[in-house]
Protein backbone atom coordinates (compact mmCIF):
# COMPACT_ATOMS: atom_id res chain seq x y z
CA MET A 1 59.50 80.96 -53.31
CA SER A 2 61.22 80.55 -50.40
CA PRO A 3 59.96 78.29 -47.41
CA THR A 4 59.67 81.76 -45.26
CA ALA A 5 57.41 83.09 -48.13
CA LYS A 6 55.36 80.03 -48.04
CA LEU A 7 54.89 79.95 -44.33
CA VAL A 8 53.82 83.83 -44.07
CA ILE A 9 51.27 83.28 -47.02
CA VAL A 10 49.80 80.45 -44.90
CA ALA A 11 49.71 81.94 -41.54
CA LEU A 12 48.59 85.21 -42.56
CA PRO A 13 45.02 84.05 -43.20
CA ILE A 14 44.97 82.10 -39.92
CA LEU A 15 46.26 85.04 -38.08
CA ALA A 16 43.48 87.63 -39.62
CA GLY A 17 41.08 85.27 -38.34
CA ALA A 18 42.42 84.85 -34.42
CA VAL A 19 42.29 88.82 -34.49
CA ALA A 20 39.18 90.06 -35.38
CA GLY A 21 36.79 91.39 -33.26
CA CYS A 22 35.29 94.69 -32.42
CA ALA A 23 37.02 95.00 -28.92
CA HIS A 24 40.09 93.84 -26.60
CA GLN A 25 41.38 90.53 -28.04
CA GLU A 26 42.89 88.44 -25.37
CA THR A 27 45.81 86.65 -25.72
CA LEU A 28 45.89 82.95 -25.68
CA ALA A 29 47.15 83.06 -21.93
CA GLU A 30 44.40 85.05 -20.89
CA ARG A 31 41.95 82.96 -22.20
CA PRO A 32 39.74 80.55 -19.89
CA PRO A 33 39.88 76.59 -20.47
CA GLU A 34 36.65 75.47 -22.43
CA GLU A 35 35.52 73.98 -19.33
CA SER A 36 34.86 77.01 -17.80
CA MET A 37 32.74 79.03 -20.46
CA THR A 38 29.84 80.17 -19.83
CA VAL A 39 26.80 79.16 -22.08
CA ALA A 40 22.81 79.43 -21.81
CA ALA A 41 21.27 77.86 -18.79
CA GLY A 42 21.28 74.02 -19.90
CA GLU A 43 23.20 74.35 -22.72
CA HIS A 44 26.94 73.04 -23.34
CA ALA A 45 29.43 74.68 -25.59
CA GLU A 46 29.81 72.82 -28.85
CA PRO A 47 32.88 74.42 -30.24
CA ASN A 48 33.53 72.36 -33.32
CA ARG A 49 29.51 72.30 -34.51
CA THR A 50 28.96 73.44 -37.84
CA PRO A 51 26.46 76.10 -38.21
CA ALA A 52 22.96 74.99 -40.08
CA ALA A 53 22.53 76.77 -43.68
CA PRO A 54 19.71 79.06 -43.58
CA GLU A 55 17.97 76.79 -45.65
CA GLU A 56 18.36 74.18 -43.19
CA ASP A 57 17.40 75.85 -40.48
CA VAL A 58 13.38 75.90 -40.29
CA ARG A 59 13.39 79.22 -38.35
CA TYR A 60 14.40 81.32 -41.28
CA ALA A 61 11.05 80.16 -42.79
CA LEU A 62 8.82 81.53 -40.13
CA PRO A 63 6.34 83.62 -41.74
CA PRO A 64 6.97 87.38 -40.70
CA ALA A 65 6.20 88.13 -36.66
CA GLN A 66 4.11 91.18 -35.68
CA GLU A 67 6.23 91.54 -33.01
CA ARG A 68 9.72 90.88 -32.25
CA SER A 69 12.43 91.94 -29.63
CA LEU A 70 15.86 91.19 -28.31
CA THR A 71 16.78 90.71 -24.46
CA ILE A 72 20.33 90.89 -24.01
CA ASN A 73 21.34 89.87 -20.31
CA VAL A 74 24.35 90.80 -19.21
CA GLY A 75 24.86 89.14 -15.79
CA SER A 76 24.08 86.11 -17.34
CA GLN A 77 25.78 86.64 -20.37
CA THR A 78 22.84 85.20 -22.27
CA PHE A 79 19.98 86.52 -25.04
CA GLU A 80 16.82 85.40 -26.24
CA TYR A 81 14.97 86.52 -29.34
CA VAL A 82 11.38 86.57 -29.26
CA GLU A 83 8.89 86.87 -32.19
CA ASP A 84 5.10 87.07 -31.12
CA GLY A 85 5.67 85.86 -27.51
CA GLY A 86 7.35 83.00 -28.10
CA VAL A 87 11.55 82.61 -27.85
CA VAL A 88 12.99 81.66 -31.13
CA ALA A 89 16.66 81.78 -30.31
CA ARG A 90 18.45 82.22 -27.29
CA GLY A 91 22.33 81.34 -26.45
CA PRO A 92 25.66 82.89 -25.03
CA ILE A 93 26.86 86.33 -25.77
CA SER A 94 30.03 88.62 -24.73
CA SER A 95 29.04 92.08 -23.41
CA GLY A 96 31.60 94.88 -22.64
CA SER A 97 33.91 94.29 -20.08
CA PRO A 98 33.66 96.18 -16.50
CA GLU A 99 36.19 98.69 -17.93
CA HIS A 100 34.05 99.21 -20.76
CA PRO A 101 30.57 98.68 -19.89
CA THR A 102 27.52 97.80 -22.13
CA PRO A 103 25.12 100.36 -21.79
CA THR A 104 21.54 99.15 -20.15
CA GLY A 105 18.21 100.38 -20.54
CA GLU A 106 15.29 100.03 -23.21
CA PHE A 107 16.67 100.74 -26.69
CA GLN A 108 15.46 99.73 -30.75
CA VAL A 109 17.32 98.46 -33.01
CA LEU A 110 18.76 101.84 -35.00
CA SER A 111 20.30 100.62 -38.41
CA LYS A 112 21.29 97.25 -39.68
CA ASP A 113 24.64 96.63 -41.96
CA ALA A 114 25.50 92.83 -42.60
CA ASP A 115 29.29 93.89 -43.46
CA LYS A 116 30.17 96.90 -41.09
CA ARG A 117 33.51 97.94 -39.99
CA SER A 118 34.17 99.10 -37.08
CA GLY A 119 35.31 103.16 -36.91
CA SER A 120 37.08 102.83 -33.29
CA TYR A 121 39.21 99.70 -33.59
CA THR A 122 41.50 98.03 -35.71
CA ASN A 123 43.01 94.50 -35.79
CA ALA A 124 46.21 93.23 -36.36
CA PHE A 125 46.52 94.35 -39.93
CA ASP A 126 45.56 98.02 -38.75
CA GLN A 127 42.58 97.44 -40.75
CA PRO A 128 38.81 98.37 -39.38
CA THR A 129 37.80 95.26 -37.40
CA PRO A 130 35.03 93.41 -38.83
CA MET A 131 31.57 93.18 -37.18
CA PRO A 132 29.42 91.09 -39.49
CA TYR A 133 25.40 91.15 -39.04
CA SER A 134 25.14 94.32 -36.75
CA LEU A 135 22.67 95.79 -35.49
CA GLN A 136 23.15 99.16 -34.19
CA PHE A 137 20.84 99.93 -30.49
CA TYR A 138 22.45 103.05 -29.05
CA GLY A 139 25.12 105.59 -30.12
CA PRO A 140 28.67 103.46 -31.43
CA TYR A 141 27.04 100.38 -29.61
CA PHE A 142 26.33 97.39 -31.62
CA ILE A 143 25.12 93.70 -31.44
CA HIS A 144 27.19 91.62 -34.01
CA GLU A 145 28.77 88.57 -34.21
CA GLY A 146 32.24 87.71 -32.68
CA TRP A 147 34.56 85.61 -30.83
CA LEU A 148 32.82 84.43 -27.19
CA PRO A 149 35.57 84.05 -24.60
CA GLY A 150 32.68 82.90 -21.86
CA TYR A 151 32.87 86.38 -20.23
CA ALA A 152 32.27 89.98 -20.92
CA ALA A 153 35.57 91.25 -23.09
CA SER A 154 34.69 93.89 -25.48
CA HIS A 155 34.57 97.56 -25.46
CA GLY A 156 30.75 97.82 -25.12
CA CYS A 157 29.26 95.94 -27.95
CA VAL A 158 27.28 92.88 -27.44
CA ARG A 159 28.91 89.83 -29.59
CA LEU A 160 26.84 86.72 -30.43
CA ARG A 161 27.88 83.90 -32.16
CA TYR A 162 27.87 83.39 -35.92
CA GLU A 163 24.80 81.47 -36.23
CA ASP A 164 22.61 83.72 -33.83
CA ALA A 165 23.79 86.96 -35.23
CA ARG A 166 23.00 85.76 -38.58
CA LEU A 167 19.39 84.74 -38.09
CA ILE A 168 18.57 87.83 -35.78
CA PHE A 169 19.96 90.03 -38.18
CA HIS A 170 17.54 88.19 -40.52
CA ARG A 171 14.53 88.40 -38.56
CA ILE A 172 14.83 91.52 -36.34
CA ARG A 173 13.63 94.87 -38.26
CA VAL A 174 14.78 98.27 -37.45
CA GLY A 175 12.77 100.21 -34.70
CA ASP A 176 12.09 96.45 -32.91
CA PRO A 177 12.91 96.65 -29.03
CA VAL A 178 16.30 96.11 -27.86
CA HIS A 179 16.13 95.40 -24.03
CA VAL A 180 19.43 95.24 -22.17
CA ARG A 181 19.32 93.95 -18.51
CA HIS A 182 21.79 93.50 -15.94
CA ASP A 183 19.84 90.78 -14.52
CA GLY A 184 18.20 87.82 -16.19
CA VAL A 185 18.53 84.60 -17.99
CA ALA A 186 17.74 83.70 -21.48
CA ARG A 187 14.09 81.45 -21.07
CA ALA A 188 14.01 77.77 -22.64
CA ALA A 189 12.37 77.90 -26.05
CA SER A 190 8.26 78.31 -26.34
CA ALA A 191 5.89 75.22 -26.32
CA SER A 192 4.90 77.46 -29.53
CA SER A 193 8.57 77.43 -31.01
CA SER A 194 9.60 74.31 -29.66
CA SER A 195 9.80 72.58 -33.01
CA PHE A 196 12.59 74.88 -34.00
CA SER A 197 16.23 74.07 -33.36
CA VAL A 198 17.63 76.36 -30.41
CA PHE A 199 21.60 76.47 -30.80
């Protein structure tokens, strides 16, 4: 095998991972420096942190909640996931860009799909863009795992970090409320859930 062929085989998976996402992908020159990344109030970005496996995260073992809700705060680029009145998870998001805003209002989870692919956008290989752990909340708008550049950058979907998307997908149910607001900041974990690791 030629050196060029070996380079292509090594570079393709790296390139595929770099271009995955449901919306506009910024070039490296467009990305802000790490220090300017937006994170939830009081948190620091941990780019090299390995997410806990579900069996290691006690929140996966919580008994089923009677009430669940997800609040997206577009202005502060944060979310909070609440069960029975207590904040179970909170963290950063990337919502729709000013050109493609995320709709605001009161919605509900319409469907769930752990392996969703975009019907509107393709990646660099002209394949439907992956949207893992998708929660449909309004028409073609979804909340799912994706790249967080530190600001609103999608075509209207709400992107979450991998570990947040996975947890919420596991816990939330179809029909649960989704509040998408212009204002607001994710609250700290409540006293009743203070023993749970919040990313």
